[in-house]
Amino acid sequence: MSQQAAGRRYLRAFVSGFFVAVPVTVTVLDRFAYVARVEGASMQPFLNPDGVSECDVVLLNRWSVRNFQVQRGDIVSIV
């Protein structure tokens, strides 16, 4: 009986954590920043300087764009 109660407690904690974590993660990725991959030679020499088949991973800052804080020399990504 105690194993079933402990199992239910862990399941309930997981589900409640899941329902909190998913909306928070979606909001952060939608409003503030997200991780993207850069492949190919389109951004050489700044990204992927060797030109090999590997990709670079970048953090795209959505907050600066929403506040129009883009400056000269910034890399802008358009999807």
PDB file of N, CA and C in Angstrom:
ATOM      1  N   MET A   1       0.819  -1.194   0.000  1.00  0.00           N
ATOM      2  CA  MET A   1       0.000   0.000   0.000  1.00  0.00           C
ATOM      3  C   MET A   1       0.863   1.258   0.000  1.00  0.00           C
ATOM      4  N   SER A   2       1.947   1.260   0.747  1.00  0.00           N
ATOM      5  CA  SER A   2       2.786   2.445   0.822  1.00  0.00           C
ATOM      6  C   SER A   2       3.544   2.681  -0.481  1.00  0.00           C
ATOM      7  N   GLN A   3       3.852   1.602  -1.216  1.00  0.00           N
ATOM      8  CA  GLN A   3       4.529   1.772  -2.503  1.00  0.00           C
ATOM      9  C   GLN A   3       3.594   2.424  -3.508  1.00  0.00           C
ATOM     10  N   GLN A   4       2.323   2.059  -3.480  1.00  0.00           N
ATOM     11  CA  GLN A   4       1.359   2.683  -4.382  1.00  0.00           C
ATOM     12  C   GLN A   4       1.178   4.163  -4.045  1.00  0.00           C
ATOM     13  N   ALA A   5       1.131   4.470  -2.768  1.00  0.00           N
ATOM     14  CA  ALA A   5       0.980   5.870  -2.351  1.00  0.00           C
ATOM     15  C   ALA A   5       2.199   6.682  -2.750  1.00  0.00           C
ATOM     16  N   ALA A   6       3.386   6.094  -2.592  1.00  0.00           N
ATOM     17  CA  ALA A   6       4.601   6.803  -2.989  1.00  0.00           C
ATOM     18  C   ALA A   6       4.648   6.980  -4.501  1.00  0.00           C
ATOM     19  N   GLY A   7       4.231   5.962  -5.239  1.00  0.00           N
ATOM     20  CA  GLY A   7       4.195   6.064  -6.704  1.00  0.00           C
ATOM     21  C   GLY A   7       3.241   7.144  -7.165  1.00  0.00           C
ATOM     22  N   ARG A   8       2.081   7.189  -6.540  1.00  0.00           N
ATOM     23  CA  ARG A   8       1.101   8.232  -6.897  1.00  0.00           C
ATOM     24  C   ARG A   8       1.618   9.621  -6.549  1.00  0.00           C
ATOM     25  N   ARG A   9       2.325   9.733  -5.418  1.00  0.00           N
ATOM     26  CA  ARG A   9       2.876  11.011  -5.004  1.00  0.00           C
ATOM     27  C   ARG A   9       3.924  11.499  -6.011  1.00  0.00           C
ATOM     28  N   TYR A  10       4.794  10.572  -6.442  1.00  0.00           N
ATOM     29  CA  TYR A  10       5.810  10.941  -7.430  1.00  0.00           C
ATOM     30  C   TYR A  10       5.187  11.294  -8.767  1.00  0.00           C
ATOM     31  N   LEU A  11       4.169  10.561  -9.168  1.00  0.00           N
ATOM     32  CA  LEU A  11       3.480  10.860 -10.426  1.00  0.00           C
ATOM     33  C   LEU A  11       2.795  12.217 -10.356  1.00  0.00           C
ATOM     34  N   ARG A  12       2.147  12.490  -9.239  1.00  0.00           N
ATOM     35  CA  ARG A  12       1.470  13.778  -9.072  1.00  0.00           C
ATOM     36  C   ARG A  12       2.480  14.930  -9.093  1.00  0.00           C
ATOM     37  N   ALA A  13       3.637  14.754  -8.446  1.00  0.00           N
ATOM     38  CA  ALA A  13       4.682  15.789  -8.447  1.00  0.00           C
ATOM     39  C   ALA A  13       5.232  16.000  -9.847  1.00  0.00           C
ATOM     40  N   PHE A  14       5.422  14.910 -10.595  1.00  0.00           N
ATOM     41  CA  PHE A  14       5.918  15.025 -11.968  1.00  0.00           C
ATOM     42  C   PHE A  14       4.925  15.770 -12.843  1.00  0.00           C
ATOM     43  N   VAL A  15       3.656  15.396 -12.768  1.00  0.00           N
ATOM     44  CA  VAL A  15       2.640  16.022 -13.608  1.00  0.00           C
ATOM     45  C   VAL A  15       2.492  17.495 -13.266  1.00  0.00           C
ATOM     46  N   SER A  16       2.476  17.833 -11.983  1.00  0.00           N
ATOM     47  CA  SER A  16       2.334  19.246 -11.615  1.00  0.00           C
ATOM     48  C   SER A  16       3.569  20.040 -12.035  1.00  0.00           C
ATOM     49  N   GLY A  17       4.754  19.459 -11.910  1.00  0.00           N
ATOM     50  CA  GLY A  17       5.968  20.124 -12.387  1.00  0.00           C
ATOM     51  C   GLY A  17       5.968  20.293 -13.882  1.00  0.00           C
ATOM     52  N   PHE A  18       5.462  19.300 -14.592  1.00  0.00           N
ATOM     53  CA  PHE A  18       5.379  19.361 -16.052  1.00  0.00           C
ATOM     54  C   PHE A  18       4.467  20.497 -16.487  1.00  0.00           C
ATOM     55  N   PHE A  19       3.311  20.614 -15.851  1.00  0.00           N
ATOM     56  CA  PHE A  19       2.358  21.658 -16.228  1.00  0.00           C
ATOM     57  C   PHE A  19       2.815  23.057 -15.832  1.00  0.00           C
ATOM     58  N   VAL A  20       3.801  23.156 -14.979  1.00  0.00           N
ATOM     59  CA  VAL A  20       4.394  24.452 -14.661  1.00  0.00           C
ATOM     60  C   VAL A  20       5.562  24.740 -15.606  1.00  0.00           C
ATOM     61  N   ALA A  21       6.386  23.737 -15.869  1.00  0.00           N
ATOM     62  CA  ALA A  21       7.605  23.931 -16.659  1.00  0.00           C
ATOM     63  C   ALA A  21       7.316  24.207 -18.126  1.00  0.00           C
ATOM     64  N   VAL A  22       6.331  23.561 -18.700  1.00  0.00           N
ATOM     65  CA  VAL A  22       6.060  23.734 -20.137  1.00  0.00           C
ATOM     66  C   VAL A  22       5.623  25.164 -20.463  1.00  0.00           C
ATOM     67  N   PRO A  23       4.646  25.755 -19.786  1.00  0.00           N
ATOM     68  CA  PRO A  23       4.281  27.136 -20.115  1.00  0.00           C
ATOM     69  C   PRO A  23       5.412  28.141 -19.860  1.00  0.00           C
ATOM     70  N   VAL A  24       6.187  27.921 -18.804  1.00  0.00           N
ATOM     71  CA  VAL A  24       7.302  28.825 -18.523  1.00  0.00           C
ATOM     72  C   VAL A  24       8.338  28.732 -19.639  1.00  0.00           C
ATOM     73  N   THR A  25       8.667  27.524 -20.075  1.00  0.00           N
ATOM     74  CA  THR A  25       9.642  27.340 -21.145  1.00  0.00           C
ATOM     75  C   THR A  25       9.153  27.937 -22.452  1.00  0.00           C
ATOM     76  N   VAL A  26       7.901  27.722 -22.789  1.00  0.00           N
ATOM     77  CA  VAL A  26       7.350  28.276 -24.024  1.00  0.00           C
ATOM     78  C   VAL A  26       7.368  29.801 -23.980  1.00  0.00           C
ATOM     79  N   THR A  27       7.042  30.389 -22.849  1.00  0.00           N
ATOM     80  CA  THR A  27       7.058  31.844 -22.719  1.00  0.00           C
ATOM     81  C   THR A  27       8.468  32.398 -22.866  1.00  0.00           C
ATOM     82  N   VAL A  28       9.442  31.760 -22.234  1.00  0.00           N
ATOM     83  CA  VAL A  28      10.833  32.229 -22.339  1.00  0.00           C
ATOM     84  C   VAL A  28      11.315  32.141 -23.775  1.00  0.00           C
ATOM     85  N   LEU A  29      11.047  31.020 -24.448  1.00  0.00           N
ATOM     86  CA  LEU A  29      11.501  30.859 -25.828  1.00  0.00           C
ATOM     87  C   LEU A  29      10.777  31.798 -26.782  1.00  0.00           C
ATOM     88  N   ASP A  30       9.545  32.146 -26.478  1.00  0.00           N
ATOM     89  CA  ASP A  30       8.776  33.020 -27.361  1.00  0.00           C
ATOM     90  C   ASP A  30       9.081  34.498 -27.140  1.00  0.00           C
ATOM     91  N   ARG A  31       9.355  34.900 -25.915  1.00  0.00           N
ATOM     92  CA  ARG A  31       9.505  36.320 -25.595  1.00  0.00           C
ATOM     93  C   ARG A  31      10.943  36.799 -25.424  1.00  0.00           C
ATOM     94  N   PHE A  32      11.817  35.983 -24.881  1.00  0.00           N
ATOM     95  CA  PHE A  32      13.139  36.471 -24.497  1.00  0.00           C
ATOM     96  C   PHE A  32      14.253  36.003 -25.422  1.00  0.00           C
ATOM     97  N   ALA A  33      14.468  34.714 -25.527  1.00  0.00           N
ATOM     98  CA  ALA A  33      15.587  34.217 -26.324  1.00  0.00           C
ATOM     99  C   ALA A  33      15.364  32.748 -26.655  1.00  0.00           C
ATOM    100  N   TYR A  34      16.025  32.300 -27.712  1.00  0.00           N
ATOM    101  CA  TYR A  34      15.995  30.881 -28.018  1.00  0.00           C
ATOM    102  C   TYR A  34      17.293  30.472 -28.688  1.00  0.00           C
ATOM    103  N   VAL A  35      17.524  29.172 -28.702  1.00  0.00           N
ATOM    104  CA  VAL A  35      18.754  28.607 -29.241  1.00  0.00           C
ATOM    105  C   VAL A  35      18.489  28.176 -30.685  1.00  0.00           C
ATOM    106  N   ALA A  36      19.422  28.516 -31.574  1.00  0.00           N
ATOM    107  CA  ALA A  36      19.281  28.150 -32.987  1.00  0.00           C
ATOM    108  C   ALA A  36      20.609  27.618 -33.511  1.00  0.00           C
ATOM    109  N   ARG A  37      20.543  26.854 -34.580  1.00  0.00           N
ATOM    110  CA  ARG A  37      21.741  26.331 -35.232  1.00  0.00           C
ATOM    111  C   ARG A  37      22.020  27.119 -36.489  1.00  0.00           C
ATOM    112  N   VAL A  38      23.290  27.363 -36.746  1.00  0.00           N
ATOM    113  CA  VAL A  38      23.725  28.045 -37.965  1.00  0.00           C
ATOM    114  C   VAL A  38      24.574  27.054 -38.742  1.00  0.00           C
ATOM    115  N   GLU A  39      24.137  26.741 -39.945  1.00  0.00           N
ATOM    116  CA  GLU A  39      24.840  25.771 -40.775  1.00  0.00           C
ATOM    117  C   GLU A  39      25.268  26.435 -42.076  1.00  0.00           C
ATOM    118  N   GLY A  40      26.346  25.950 -42.639  1.00  0.00           N
ATOM    119  CA  GLY A  40      26.770  26.413 -43.943  1.00  0.00           C
ATOM    120  C   GLY A  40      27.658  27.639 -43.882  1.00  0.00           C
ATOM    121  N   ALA A  41      27.898  28.204 -45.059  1.00  0.00           N
ATOM    122  CA  ALA A  41      28.856  29.297 -45.200  1.00  0.00           C
ATOM    123  C   ALA A  41      28.213  30.668 -45.217  1.00  0.00           C
ATOM    124  N   SER A  42      26.952  30.774 -44.898  1.00  0.00           N
ATOM    125  CA  SER A  42      26.270  32.056 -45.027  1.00  0.00           C
ATOM    126  C   SER A  42      26.771  33.115 -44.057  1.00  0.00           C
ATOM    127  N   MET A  43      27.297  32.709 -42.914  1.00  0.00           N
ATOM    128  CA  MET A  43      27.736  33.679 -41.911  1.00  0.00           C
ATOM    129  C   MET A  43      29.245  33.648 -41.693  1.00  0.00           C
ATOM    130  N   GLN A  44      30.000  33.117 -42.628  1.00  0.00           N
ATOM    131  CA  GLN A  44      31.462  33.094 -42.475  1.00  0.00           C
ATOM    132  C   GLN A  44      32.002  34.497 -42.624  1.00  0.00           C
ATOM    133  N   PRO A  45      33.014  34.884 -41.955  1.00  0.00           N
ATOM    134  CA  PRO A  45      33.909  34.170 -41.054  1.00  0.00           C
ATOM    135  C   PRO A  45      33.483  34.235 -39.590  1.00  0.00           C
ATOM    136  N   PHE A  46      32.389  34.943 -39.269  1.00  0.00           N
ATOM    137  CA  PHE A  46      31.993  35.074 -37.857  1.00  0.00           C
ATOM    138  C   PHE A  46      31.526  33.754 -37.270  1.00  0.00           C
ATOM    139  N   LEU A  47      30.661  33.056 -37.989  1.00  0.00           N
ATOM    140  CA  LEU A  47      30.165  31.763 -37.543  1.00  0.00           C
ATOM    141  C   LEU A  47      30.628  30.703 -38.521  1.00  0.00           C
ATOM    142  N   ASN A  48      30.983  29.554 -38.003  1.00  0.00           N
ATOM    143  CA  ASN A  48      31.467  28.440 -38.814  1.00  0.00           C
ATOM    144  C   ASN A  48      32.683  28.849 -39.638  1.00  0.00           C
ATOM    145  N   PRO A  49      33.755  29.309 -38.991  1.00  0.00           N
ATOM    146  CA  PRO A  49      34.894  29.866 -39.733  1.00  0.00           C
ATOM    147  C   PRO A  49      35.659  28.847 -40.561  1.00  0.00           C
ATOM    148  N   ASP A  50      35.635  27.584 -40.179  1.00  0.00           N
ATOM    149  CA  ASP A  50      36.410  26.591 -40.908  1.00  0.00           C
ATOM    150  C   ASP A  50      35.695  26.084 -42.152  1.00  0.00           C
ATOM    151  N   GLY A  51      34.403  26.278 -42.213  1.00  0.00           N
ATOM    152  CA  GLY A  51      33.646  25.829 -43.368  1.00  0.00           C
ATOM    153  C   GLY A  51      33.395  24.339 -43.383  1.00  0.00           C
ATOM    154  N   VAL A  52      33.587  23.681 -42.262  1.00  0.00           N
ATOM    155  CA  VAL A  52      33.330  22.247 -42.197  1.00  0.00           C
ATOM    156  C   VAL A  52      31.835  22.000 -42.045  1.00  0.00           C
ATOM    157  N   SER A  53      31.449  20.765 -42.065  1.00  0.00           N
ATOM    158  CA  SER A  53      30.024  20.434 -42.029  1.00  0.00           C
ATOM    159  C   SER A  53      29.400  20.591 -40.645  1.00  0.00           C
ATOM    160  N   GLU A  54      30.192  20.941 -39.644  1.00  0.00           N
ATOM    161  CA  GLU A  54      29.626  21.148 -38.314  1.00  0.00           C
ATOM    162  C   GLU A  54      28.795  22.429 -38.296  1.00  0.00           C
ATOM    163  N   CYS A  55      27.932  22.534 -37.312  1.00  0.00           N
ATOM    164  CA  CYS A  55      27.119  23.740 -37.202  1.00  0.00           C
ATOM    165  C   CYS A  55      27.460  24.463 -35.906  1.00  0.00           C
ATOM    166  N   ASP A  56      27.211  25.758 -35.877  1.00  0.00           N
ATOM    167  CA  ASP A  56      27.383  26.556 -34.672  1.00  0.00           C
ATOM    168  C   ASP A  56      26.023  26.728 -34.002  1.00  0.00           C
ATOM    169  N   VAL A  57      26.046  26.854 -32.704  1.00  0.00           N
ATOM    170  CA  VAL A  57      24.831  27.074 -31.934  1.00  0.00           C
ATOM    171  C   VAL A  57      24.883  28.489 -31.384  1.00  0.00           C
ATOM    172  N   VAL A  58      23.809  29.249 -31.592  1.00  0.00           N
ATOM    173  CA  VAL A  58      23.764  30.644 -31.145  1.00  0.00           C
ATOM    174  C   VAL A  58      22.523  30.866 -30.293  1.00  0.00           C
ATOM    175  N   LEU A  59      22.600  31.868 -29.444  1.00  0.00           N
ATOM    176  CA  LEU A  59      21.456  32.290 -28.651  1.00  0.00           C
ATOM    177  C   LEU A  59      20.906  33.562 -29.280  1.00  0.00           C
ATOM    178  N   LEU A  60      19.690  33.498 -29.761  1.00  0.00           N
ATOM    179  CA  LEU A  60      19.066  34.649 -30.403  1.00  0.00           C
ATOM    180  C   LEU A  60      18.260  35.426 -29.365  1.00  0.00           C
ATOM    181  N   ASN A  61      18.573  36.701 -29.232  1.00  0.00           N
ATOM    182  CA  ASN A  61      17.966  37.570 -28.231  1.00  0.00           C
ATOM    183  C   ASN A  61      16.755  38.264 -28.845  1.00  0.00           C
ATOM    184  N   ARG A  62      15.580  37.854 -28.457  1.00  0.00           N
ATOM    185  CA  ARG A  62      14.361  38.484 -28.978  1.00  0.00           C
ATOM    186  C   ARG A  62      14.019  39.767 -28.238  1.00  0.00           C
ATOM    187  N   TRP A  63      14.515  39.907 -27.020  1.00  0.00           N
ATOM    188  CA  TRP A  63      14.166  41.068 -26.201  1.00  0.00           C
ATOM    189  C   TRP A  63      14.707  42.356 -26.813  1.00  0.00           C
ATOM    190  N   SER A  64      15.936  42.332 -27.322  1.00  0.00           N
ATOM    191  CA  SER A  64      16.530  43.534 -27.914  1.00  0.00           C
ATOM    192  C   SER A  64      15.784  43.978 -29.156  1.00  0.00           C
ATOM    193  N   VAL A  65      15.331  43.036 -29.937  1.00  0.00           N
ATOM    194  CA  VAL A  65      14.604  43.380 -31.163  1.00  0.00           C
ATOM    195  C   VAL A  65      13.253  43.997 -30.827  1.00  0.00           C
ATOM    196  N   ARG A  66      12.597  43.468 -29.818  1.00  0.00           N
ATOM    197  CA  ARG A  66      11.291  44.027 -29.435  1.00  0.00           C
ATOM    198  C   ARG A  66      11.413  45.459 -28.919  1.00  0.00           C
ATOM    199  N   ASN A  67      12.543  45.789 -28.318  1.00  0.00           N
ATOM    200  CA  ASN A  67      12.765  47.132 -27.788  1.00  0.00           C
ATOM    201  C   ASN A  67      13.555  48.012 -28.752  1.00  0.00           C
ATOM    202  N   PHE A  68      13.757  47.551 -29.977  1.00  0.00           N
ATOM    203  CA  PHE A  68      14.484  48.288 -31.014  1.00  0.00           C
ATOM    204  C   PHE A  68      15.882  48.689 -30.557  1.00  0.00           C
ATOM    205  N   GLN A  69      16.589  47.772 -29.893  1.00  0.00           N
ATOM    206  CA  GLN A  69      17.942  48.031 -29.416  1.00  0.00           C
ATOM    207  C   GLN A  69      18.981  47.359 -30.310  1.00  0.00           C
ATOM    208  N   VAL A  70      18.726  47.336 -31.590  1.00  0.00           N
ATOM    209  CA  VAL A  70      19.665  46.732 -32.535  1.00  0.00           C
ATOM    210  C   VAL A  70      20.687  47.797 -32.904  1.00  0.00           C
ATOM    211  N   GLN A  71      21.969  47.404 -32.848  1.00  0.00           N
ATOM    212  CA  GLN A  71      23.034  48.347 -33.134  1.00  0.00           C
ATOM    213  C   GLN A  71      23.849  47.867 -34.325  1.00  0.00           C
ATOM    214  N   ARG A  72      24.658  48.747 -34.837  1.00  0.00           N
ATOM    215  CA  ARG A  72      25.544  48.394 -35.927  1.00  0.00           C
ATOM    216  C   ARG A  72      26.520  47.306 -35.466  1.00  0.00           C
ATOM    217  N   GLY A  73      26.691  46.273 -36.284  1.00  0.00           N
ATOM    218  CA  GLY A  73      27.563  45.162 -35.956  1.00  0.00           C
ATOM    219  C   GLY A  73      26.828  43.972 -35.370  1.00  0.00           C
ATOM    220  N   ASP A  74      25.547  44.130 -35.016  1.00  0.00           N
ATOM    221  CA  ASP A  74      24.757  43.014 -34.501  1.00  0.00           C
ATOM    222  C   ASP A  74      24.382  42.091 -35.656  1.00  0.00           C
ATOM    223  N   ILE A  75      24.290  40.822 -35.359  1.00  0.00           N
ATOM    224  CA  ILE A  75      23.813  39.848 -36.338  1.00  0.00           C
ATOM    225  C   ILE A  75      22.326  39.707 -36.149  1.00  0.00           C
ATOM    226  N   VAL A  76      21.578  39.892 -37.214  1.00  0.00           N
ATOM    227  CA  VAL A  76      20.121  39.816 -37.161  1.00  0.00           C
ATOM    228  C   VAL A  76      19.673  38.579 -37.931  1.00  0.00           C
ATOM    229  N   SER A  77      18.808  37.802 -37.325  1.00  0.00           N
ATOM    230  CA  SER A  77      18.276  36.595 -37.953  1.00  0.00           C
ATOM    231  C   SER A  77      16.819  36.821 -38.324  1.00  0.00           C
ATOM    232  N   ILE A  78      16.479  36.506 -39.562  1.00  0.00           N
ATOM    233  CA  ILE A  78      15.094  36.638 -40.024  1.00  0.00           C
ATOM    234  C   ILE A  78      14.616  35.251 -40.433  1.00  0.00           C
ATOM    235  N   VAL A  79      13.490  34.875 -39.870  1.00  0.00           N
ATOM    236  CA  VAL A  79      12.938  33.546 -40.169  1.00  0.00           C
ATOM    237  C   VAL A  79      11.819  33.698 -41.168  1.00  0.00           C
TER     238      VAL A  79
END
